[in-house]
PDB file of N, CA and C in Angstrom:
ATOM      1  N   MET A   1      83.598  55.649 217.641  1.00  0.00           N
ATOM      2  CA  MET A   1      82.815  54.124 217.553  1.00  0.00           C
ATOM      3  C   MET A   1      82.854  53.903 219.441  1.00  0.00           C
ATOM      4  N   ASP A   2      83.336  54.660 220.028  1.00  0.00           N
ATOM      5  CA  ASP A   2      82.945  53.787 221.667  1.00  0.00           C
ATOM      6  C   ASP A   2      81.822  54.753 221.680  1.00  0.00           C
ATOM      7  N   GLU A   3      81.498  55.390 221.312  1.00  0.00           N
ATOM      8  CA  GLU A   3      80.322  56.615 221.445  1.00  0.00           C
ATOM      9  C   GLU A   3      78.418  55.608 221.239  1.00  0.00           C
ATOM     10  N   LEU A   4      79.162  55.495 219.857  1.00  0.00           N
ATOM     11  CA  LEU A   4      78.140  54.347 219.427  1.00  0.00           C
ATOM     12  C   LEU A   4      77.874  53.113 220.188  1.00  0.00           C
ATOM     13  N   LYS A   5      78.796  52.738 220.724  1.00  0.00           N
ATOM     14  CA  LYS A   5      78.589  51.388 221.749  1.00  0.00           C
ATOM     15  C   LYS A   5      77.976  51.511 222.721  1.00  0.00           C
ATOM     16  N   LYS A   6      77.666  52.446 223.262  1.00  0.00           N
ATOM     17  CA  LYS A   6      77.400  52.951 225.209  1.00  0.00           C
ATOM     18  C   LYS A   6      75.214  53.013 224.268  1.00  0.00           C
ATOM     19  N   ASP A   7      75.121  52.926 223.129  1.00  0.00           N
ATOM     20  CA  ASP A   7      73.520  53.021 222.927  1.00  0.00           C
ATOM     21  C   ASP A   7      72.788  51.903 222.830  1.00  0.00           C
ATOM     22  N   PHE A   8      74.140  50.119 222.628  1.00  0.00           N
ATOM     23  CA  PHE A   8      73.186  48.849 222.499  1.00  0.00           C
ATOM     24  C   PHE A   8      73.726  48.272 223.775  1.00  0.00           C
ATOM     25  N   SER A   9      72.751  47.523 224.326  1.00  0.00           N
ATOM     26  CA  SER A   9      73.088  46.903 225.666  1.00  0.00           C
ATOM     27  C   SER A   9      72.685  45.010 225.059  1.00  0.00           C
ATOM     28  N   PHE A  10      72.688  44.432 225.960  1.00  0.00           N
ATOM     29  CA  PHE A  10      71.528  43.126 226.120  1.00  0.00           C
ATOM     30  C   PHE A  10      71.165  43.315 227.248  1.00  0.00           C
ATOM     31  N   VAL A  11      70.385  41.803 227.376  1.00  0.00           N
ATOM     32  CA  VAL A  11      69.559  41.960 228.901  1.00  0.00           C
ATOM     33  C   VAL A  11      69.044  40.436 228.254  1.00  0.00           C
ATOM     34  N   LEU A  12      69.453  39.221 229.577  1.00  0.00           N
ATOM     35  CA  LEU A  12      68.612  38.900 229.597  1.00  0.00           C
ATOM     36  C   LEU A  12      67.528  38.437 230.582  1.00  0.00           C
ATOM     37  N   CYS A  13      65.944  38.086 229.335  1.00  0.00           N
ATOM     38  CA  CYS A  13      65.413  38.331 230.527  1.00  0.00           C
ATOM     39  C   CYS A  13      64.291  37.051 230.163  1.00  0.00           C
ATOM     40  N   PRO A  14      63.677  37.143 232.387  1.00  0.00           N
ATOM     41  CA  PRO A  14      63.134  35.180 232.189  1.00  0.00           C
ATOM     42  C   PRO A  14      62.330  35.599 231.386  1.00  0.00           C
ATOM     43  N   GLY A  15      61.822  34.758 230.309  1.00  0.00           N
ATOM     44  CA  GLY A  15      60.714  34.702 229.303  1.00  0.00           C
ATOM     45  C   GLY A  15      59.853  33.949 230.147  1.00  0.00           C
ATOM     46  N   ASN A  16      59.072  33.493 230.788  1.00  0.00           N
ATOM     47  CA  ASN A  16      57.367  32.662 230.948  1.00  0.00           C
ATOM     48  C   ASN A  16      57.583  32.868 232.303  1.00  0.00           C
ATOM     49  N   LEU A  17      56.776  33.767 233.278  1.00  0.00           N
ATOM     50  CA  LEU A  17      56.976  34.073 234.676  1.00  0.00           C
ATOM     51  C   LEU A  17      57.657  35.182 234.508  1.00  0.00           C
ATOM     52  N   PRO A  18      58.096  36.799 233.889  1.00  0.00           N
ATOM     53  CA  PRO A  18      59.444  36.936 234.560  1.00  0.00           C
ATOM     54  C   PRO A  18      58.752  37.963 236.185  1.00  0.00           C
ATOM     55  N   ASP A  19      59.642  38.499 236.244  1.00  0.00           N
ATOM     56  CA  ASP A  19      59.902  38.983 237.367  1.00  0.00           C
ATOM     57  C   ASP A  19      59.508  40.618 237.074  1.00  0.00           C
ATOM     58  N   PRO A  20      58.375  41.180 237.595  1.00  0.00           N
ATOM     59  CA  PRO A  20      58.474  42.286 237.345  1.00  0.00           C
ATOM     60  C   PRO A  20      58.918  43.396 237.087  1.00  0.00           C
ATOM     61  N   LYS A  21      60.385  43.518 237.758  1.00  0.00           N
ATOM     62  CA  LYS A  21      61.870  44.366 237.202  1.00  0.00           C
ATOM     63  C   LYS A  21      61.957  44.210 235.921  1.00  0.00           C
ATOM     64  N   TYR A  22      61.137  43.134 235.725  1.00  0.00           N
ATOM     65  CA  TYR A  22      61.883  43.084 233.887  1.00  0.00           C
ATOM     66  C   TYR A  22      60.907  43.363 232.944  1.00  0.00           C
ATOM     67  N   ASN A  23      59.342  44.022 233.667  1.00  0.00           N
ATOM     68  CA  ASN A  23      58.208  44.398 232.732  1.00  0.00           C
ATOM     69  C   ASN A  23      58.863  45.245 231.272  1.00  0.00           C
ATOM     70  N   LEU A  24      59.333  46.309 231.419  1.00  0.00           N
ATOM     71  CA  LEU A  24      59.577  47.207 230.684  1.00  0.00           C
ATOM     72  C   LEU A  24      60.058  46.008 229.636  1.00  0.00           C
ATOM     73  N   PHE A  25      61.447  46.454 229.464  1.00  0.00           N
ATOM     74  CA  PHE A  25      61.694  45.155 228.741  1.00  0.00           C
ATOM     75  C   PHE A  25      61.467  43.563 228.358  1.00  0.00           C
ATOM     76  N   TYR A  26      60.422  43.129 228.615  1.00  0.00           N
ATOM     77  CA  TYR A  26      59.835  41.563 228.857  1.00  0.00           C
ATOM     78  C   TYR A  26      58.305  42.613 227.834  1.00  0.00           C
ATOM     79  N   GLU A  27      57.932  43.882 227.930  1.00  0.00           N
ATOM     80  CA  GLU A  27      56.928  44.330 226.691  1.00  0.00           C
ATOM     81  C   GLU A  27      57.527  44.862 225.670  1.00  0.00           C
ATOM     82  N   GLU A  28      59.213  45.129 225.814  1.00  0.00           N
ATOM     83  CA  GLU A  28      59.238  45.763 224.579  1.00  0.00           C
ATOM     84  C   GLU A  28      60.126  44.718 223.850  1.00  0.00           C
ATOM     85  N   ILE A  29      60.999  43.925 224.022  1.00  0.00           N
ATOM     86  CA  ILE A  29      61.136  42.715 223.489  1.00  0.00           C
ATOM     87  C   ILE A  29      59.752  41.631 222.673  1.00  0.00           C
ATOM     88  N   PHE A  30      58.448  41.605 223.173  1.00  0.00           N
ATOM     89  CA  PHE A  30      57.218  41.247 223.037  1.00  0.00           C
ATOM     90  C   PHE A  30      56.661  41.715 221.542  1.00  0.00           C
ATOM     91  N   LYS A  31      56.694  43.080 221.246  1.00  0.00           N
ATOM     92  CA  LYS A  31      56.588  44.282 220.749  1.00  0.00           C
ATOM     93  C   LYS A  31      57.247  43.470 219.341  1.00  0.00           C
ATOM     94  N   CYS A  32      58.883  43.621 219.480  1.00  0.00           N
ATOM     95  CA  CYS A  32      59.470  43.351 218.476  1.00  0.00           C
ATOM     96  C   CYS A  32      59.210  42.338 217.739  1.00  0.00           C
ATOM     97  N   TRP A  33      58.945  41.284 218.793  1.00  0.00           N
ATOM     98  CA  TRP A  33      58.748  39.819 217.929  1.00  0.00           C
ATOM     99  C   TRP A  33      57.693  39.656 217.105  1.00  0.00           C
ATOM    100  N   ASN A  34      56.164  40.426 217.612  1.00  0.00           N
ATOM    101  CA  ASN A  34      54.881  40.576 217.279  1.00  0.00           C
ATOM    102  C   ASN A  34      55.148  41.022 216.267  1.00  0.00           C
ATOM    103  N   LEU A  35      56.043  42.160 216.104  1.00  0.00           N
ATOM    104  CA  LEU A  35      56.049  42.514 214.941  1.00  0.00           C
ATOM    105  C   LEU A  35      56.954  42.489 213.665  1.00  0.00           C
ATOM    106  N   VAL A  36      57.737  41.223 214.260  1.00  0.00           N
ATOM    107  CA  VAL A  36      58.825  40.057 213.236  1.00  0.00           C
ATOM    108  C   VAL A  36      57.832  39.307 212.242  1.00  0.00           C
ATOM    109  N   TRP A  37      57.129  38.697 213.558  1.00  0.00           N
ATOM    110  CA  TRP A  37      56.320  37.670 212.896  1.00  0.00           C
ATOM    111  C   TRP A  37      54.908  37.742 211.892  1.00  0.00           C
ATOM    112  N   SER A  38      54.692  38.956 213.120  1.00  0.00           N
ATOM    113  CA  SER A  38      53.358  39.343 211.984  1.00  0.00           C
ATOM    114  C   SER A  38      53.575  39.989 210.175  1.00  0.00           C
ATOM    115  N   ALA A  39      54.749  40.375 210.108  1.00  0.00           N
ATOM    116  CA  ALA A  39      54.864  40.781 209.208  1.00  0.00           C
ATOM    117  C   ALA A  39      55.799  39.471 208.173  1.00  0.00           C
ATOM    118  N   ALA A  40      56.327  38.772 208.657  1.00  0.00           N
ATOM    119  CA  ALA A  40      56.479  37.664 208.032  1.00  0.00           C
ATOM    120  C   ALA A  40      55.248  37.036 207.730  1.00  0.00           C
ATOM    121  N   PHE A  41      54.292  36.770 208.059  1.00  0.00           N
ATOM    122  CA  PHE A  41      52.912  36.439 208.484  1.00  0.00           C
ATOM    123  C   PHE A  41      52.201  36.734 206.938  1.00  0.00           C
ATOM    124  N   ALA A  42      52.476  37.866 207.117  1.00  0.00           N
ATOM    125  CA  ALA A  42      51.885  38.691 205.826  1.00  0.00           C
ATOM    126  C   ALA A  42      52.443  38.830 204.817  1.00  0.00           C
ATOM    127  N   GLU A  43      53.353  38.797 204.705  1.00  0.00           N
ATOM    128  CA  GLU A  43      54.673  38.676 203.628  1.00  0.00           C
ATOM    129  C   GLU A  43      54.726  37.178 202.905  1.00  0.00           C
ATOM    130  N   LEU A  44      54.375  36.269 203.591  1.00  0.00           N
ATOM    131  CA  LEU A  44      53.964  34.552 203.545  1.00  0.00           C
ATOM    132  C   LEU A  44      52.641  34.455 202.925  1.00  0.00           C
ATOM    133  N   ASN A  45      51.847  35.217 203.261  1.00  0.00           N
ATOM    134  CA  ASN A  45      50.452  35.414 203.014  1.00  0.00           C
ATOM    135  C   ASN A  45      49.743  34.239 203.684  1.00  0.00           C
ATOM    136  N   VAL A  46      49.891  33.654 205.070  1.00  0.00           N
ATOM    137  CA  VAL A  46      49.465  32.896 206.081  1.00  0.00           C
ATOM    138  C   VAL A  46      48.714  33.587 206.714  1.00  0.00           C
ATOM    139  N   THR A  47      47.577  32.864 206.650  1.00  0.00           N
ATOM    140  CA  THR A  47      46.254  32.942 206.919  1.00  0.00           C
ATOM    141  C   THR A  47      45.568  33.267 208.141  1.00  0.00           C
ATOM    142  N   LYS A  48      46.399  32.177 208.887  1.00  0.00           N
ATOM    143  CA  LYS A  48      46.138  31.244 210.323  1.00  0.00           C
ATOM    144  C   LYS A  48      46.350  32.448 211.034  1.00  0.00           C
ATOM    145  N   LYS A  49      46.186  32.598 212.657  1.00  0.00           N
ATOM    146  CA  LYS A  49      46.087  33.478 214.070  1.00  0.00           C
ATOM    147  C   LYS A  49      47.510  33.604 214.309  1.00  0.00           C
ATOM    148  N   LEU A  50      48.554  34.469 214.658  1.00  0.00           N
ATOM    149  CA  LEU A  50      49.400  34.211 215.329  1.00  0.00           C
ATOM    150  C   LEU A  50      49.413  34.245 216.505  1.00  0.00           C
ATOM    151  N   HIS A  51      49.483  32.910 217.255  1.00  0.00           N
ATOM    152  CA  HIS A  51      49.043  32.396 219.164  1.00  0.00           C
ATOM    153  C   HIS A  51      51.031  33.285 219.055  1.00  0.00           C
ATOM    154  N   SER A  52      50.769  33.772 220.651  1.00  0.00           N
ATOM    155  CA  SER A  52      52.359  33.586 221.170  1.00  0.00           C
ATOM    156  C   SER A  52      52.688  32.390 222.415  1.00  0.00           C
ATOM    157  N   ASP A  53      52.580  31.272 222.197  1.00  0.00           N
ATOM    158  CA  ASP A  53      52.663  30.193 223.110  1.00  0.00           C
ATOM    159  C   ASP A  53      54.258  30.286 222.818  1.00  0.00           C
ATOM    160  N   ALA A  54      54.687  30.445 221.272  1.00  0.00           N
ATOM    161  CA  ALA A  54      56.550  29.987 221.170  1.00  0.00           C
ATOM    162  C   ALA A  54      57.120  31.357 221.705  1.00  0.00           C
ATOM    163  N   PHE A  55      56.206  32.088 221.919  1.00  0.00           N
ATOM    164  CA  PHE A  55      57.437  33.782 222.139  1.00  0.00           C
ATOM    165  C   PHE A  55      57.383  33.235 224.497  1.00  0.00           C
ATOM    166  N   SER A  56      55.652  33.161 224.749  1.00  0.00           N
ATOM    167  CA  SER A  56      55.231  32.461 225.957  1.00  0.00           C
ATOM    168  C   SER A  56      56.242  31.782 226.525  1.00  0.00           C
ATOM    169  N   ARG A  57      56.478  30.736 226.391  1.00  0.00           N
ATOM    170  CA  ARG A  57      56.457  29.500 227.205  1.00  0.00           C
ATOM    171  C   ARG A  57      58.502  29.542 226.867  1.00  0.00           C
ATOM    172  N   GLN A  58      59.279  30.125 226.514  1.00  0.00           N
ATOM    173  CA  GLN A  58      60.635  30.510 226.309  1.00  0.00           C
ATOM    174  C   GLN A  58      61.280  30.159 228.208  1.00  0.00           C
ATOM    175  N   ASP A  59      62.159  29.881 228.319  1.00  0.00           N
ATOM    176  CA  ASP A  59      62.567  30.263 230.005  1.00  0.00           C
ATOM    177  C   ASP A  59      63.129  31.698 230.305  1.00  0.00           C
ATOM    178  N   PHE A  60      64.166  32.074 229.180  1.00  0.00           N
ATOM    179  CA  PHE A  60      64.826  32.413 229.315  1.00  0.00           C
ATOM    180  C   PHE A  60      64.640  33.756 227.197  1.00  0.00           C
ATOM    181  N   ILE A  61      64.960  35.064 227.234  1.00  0.00           N
ATOM    182  CA  ILE A  61      64.896  35.689 225.663  1.00  0.00           C
ATOM    183  C   ILE A  61      65.868  36.561 226.338  1.00  0.00           C
ATOM    184  N   GLY A  62      66.879  36.609 225.298  1.00  0.00           N
ATOM    185  CA  GLY A  62      68.682  37.162 225.767  1.00  0.00           C
ATOM    186  C   GLY A  62      67.920  38.416 224.202  1.00  0.00           C
ATOM    187  N   ALA A  63      68.276  38.987 224.375  1.00  0.00           N
ATOM    188  CA  ALA A  63      67.731  40.835 223.317  1.00  0.00           C
ATOM    189  C   ALA A  63      68.491  41.741 223.555  1.00  0.00           C
ATOM    190  N   THR A  64      68.223  42.344 222.276  1.00  0.00           N
ATOM    191  CA  THR A  64      69.752  42.913 221.742  1.00  0.00           C
ATOM    192  C   THR A  64      68.593  44.615 221.653  1.00  0.00           C
ATOM    193  N   PHE A  65      68.798  45.561 222.303  1.00  0.00           N
ATOM    194  CA  PHE A  65      68.887  46.709 221.975  1.00  0.00           C
ATOM    195  C   PHE A  65      69.505  48.041 222.017  1.00  0.00           C
ATOM    196  N   TYR A  66      68.946  48.950 220.923  1.00  0.00           N
ATOM    197  CA  TYR A  66      69.276  50.202 220.902  1.00  0.00           C
ATOM    198  C   TYR A  66      68.519  50.649 221.220  1.00  0.00           C
ATOM    199  N   LYS A  67      68.683  51.600 222.463  1.00  0.00           N
ATOM    200  CA  LYS A  67      68.602  52.652 222.914  1.00  0.00           C
ATOM    201  C   LYS A  67      68.007  51.505 223.818  1.00  0.00           C
ATOM    202  N   ASP A  68      66.210  52.552 223.650  1.00  0.00           N
ATOM    203  CA  ASP A  68      65.706  51.307 224.356  1.00  0.00           C
ATOM    204  C   ASP A  68      64.440  50.982 223.419  1.00  0.00           C
ATOM    205  N   GLN A  69      65.364  50.778 222.433  1.00  0.00           N
ATOM    206  CA  GLN A  69      64.210  49.931 221.379  1.00  0.00           C
ATOM    207  C   GLN A  69      65.393  48.236 221.527  1.00  0.00           C
ATOM    208  N   CYS A  70      64.323  46.980 221.319  1.00  0.00           N
ATOM    209  CA  CYS A  70      65.197  46.178 221.171  1.00  0.00           C
ATOM    210  C   CYS A  70      64.692  45.687 219.442  1.00  0.00           C
ATOM    211  N   ILE A  71      65.615  45.581 219.023  1.00  0.00           N
ATOM    212  CA  ILE A  71      66.228  45.099 218.041  1.00  0.00           C
ATOM    213  C   ILE A  71      66.624  44.000 217.590  1.00  0.00           C
ATOM    214  N   GLY A  72      66.490  43.013 218.056  1.00  0.00           N
ATOM    215  CA  GLY A  72      66.885  41.151 217.793  1.00  0.00           C
ATOM    216  C   GLY A  72      66.901  40.681 219.058  1.00  0.00           C
ATOM    217  N   MET A  73      66.702  39.352 219.621  1.00  0.00           N
ATOM    218  CA  MET A  73      66.381  38.875 220.296  1.00  0.00           C
ATOM    219  C   MET A  73      66.302  37.334 219.800  1.00  0.00           C
ATOM    220  N   CYS A  74      67.382  36.141 221.175  1.00  0.00           N
ATOM    221  CA  CYS A  74      67.612  34.704 220.631  1.00  0.00           C
ATOM    222  C   CYS A  74      66.770  33.948 221.945  1.00  0.00           C
ATOM    223  N   PHE A  75      66.217  32.780 221.734  1.00  0.00           N
ATOM    224  CA  PHE A  75      65.274  32.116 222.891  1.00  0.00           C
ATOM    225  C   PHE A  75      65.958  30.895 223.531  1.00  0.00           C
ATOM    226  N   TYR A  76      65.960  30.850 224.964  1.00  0.00           N
ATOM    227  CA  TYR A  76      66.785  29.584 225.578  1.00  0.00           C
ATOM    228  C   TYR A  76      65.190  28.742 226.071  1.00  0.00           C
ATOM    229  N   ARG A  77      65.612  27.813 226.395  1.00  0.00           N
ATOM    230  CA  ARG A  77      64.458  26.577 226.430  1.00  0.00           C
ATOM    231  C   ARG A  77      64.855  25.318 226.741  1.00  0.00           C
ATOM    232  N   TRP A  78      65.293  24.939 227.884  1.00  0.00           N
ATOM    233  CA  TRP A  78      65.897  23.711 228.150  1.00  0.00           C
ATOM    234  C   TRP A  78      64.424  22.758 228.378  1.00  0.00           C
ATOM    235  N   ALA A  79      65.000  21.837 227.619  1.00  0.00           N
ATOM    236  CA  ALA A  79      63.737  20.494 227.735  1.00  0.00           C
ATOM    237  C   ALA A  79      64.909  19.388 228.117  1.00  0.00           C
ATOM    238  N   ASP A  80      64.302  18.454 228.082  1.00  0.00           N
ATOM    239  CA  ASP A  80      65.469  17.027 227.675  1.00  0.00           C
ATOM    240  C   ASP A  80      64.662  16.067 226.875  1.00  0.00           C
ATOM    241  N   GLY A  81      65.903  16.307 225.824  1.00  0.00           N
ATOM    242  CA  GLY A  81      64.789  15.889 224.734  1.00  0.00           C
ATOM    243  C   GLY A  81      64.819  13.598 224.615  1.00  0.00           C
ATOM    244  N   GLU A  82      64.896  13.282 225.566  1.00  0.00           N
ATOM    245  CA  GLU A  82      64.879  11.890 225.374  1.00  0.00           C
ATOM    246  C   GLU A  82      63.062  12.043 225.741  1.00  0.00           C
ATOM    247  N   ARG A  83      62.955  12.804 226.558  1.00  0.00           N
ATOM    248  CA  ARG A  83      61.390  12.966 226.504  1.00  0.00           C
ATOM    249  C   ARG A  83      60.139  13.016 225.806  1.00  0.00           C
ATOM    250  N   ILE A  84      58.440  11.999 225.625  1.00  0.00           N
ATOM    251  CA  ILE A  84      58.010  11.963 224.671  1.00  0.00           C
ATOM    252  C   ILE A  84      57.021  13.195 224.607  1.00  0.00           C
ATOM    253  N   ASP A  85      57.453  14.093 225.625  1.00  0.00           N
ATOM    254  CA  ASP A  85      56.795  15.566 224.964  1.00  0.00           C
ATOM    255  C   ASP A  85      57.553  16.310 224.476  1.00  0.00           C
ATOM    256  N   PHE A  86      58.870  16.436 224.727  1.00  0.00           N
ATOM    257  CA  PHE A  86      59.626  17.383 223.746  1.00  0.00           C
ATOM    258  C   PHE A  86      59.432  16.747 222.459  1.00  0.00           C
ATOM    259  N   ALA A  87      59.782  15.723 222.490  1.00  0.00           N
ATOM    260  CA  ALA A  87      60.395  14.941 221.498  1.00  0.00           C
ATOM    261  C   ALA A  87      59.008  14.993 220.487  1.00  0.00           C
ATOM    262  N   GLU A  88      57.692  14.986 220.823  1.00  0.00           N
ATOM    263  CA  GLU A  88      56.563  15.574 220.052  1.00  0.00           C
ATOM    264  C   GLU A  88      56.410  17.004 219.674  1.00  0.00           C
ATOM    265  N   ASP A  89      57.092  18.116 220.464  1.00  0.00           N
ATOM    266  CA  ASP A  89      57.407  19.275 220.512  1.00  0.00           C
ATOM    267  C   ASP A  89      57.551  19.992 218.766  1.00  0.00           C
TER     268      ASP A  89
END
């Protein structure tokens, strides 16, 4: 079991404006996000273009990797729920 665990890692990657030292992680995370959402759009017969703003506007992205491949992620975005622009988002 311990052998298997060493192949997994978690990275907290800056979202919008990633530090260059995170470039490889960021690119791999984006590929995973794009693959998942492109497949979802196709499965649901969504014909509109997939835009990456939902990805690129995050403050941080927590990503789980198996070896060097991103296998899952969660987004973190801080906002003031009292602001009108956030309420309309």
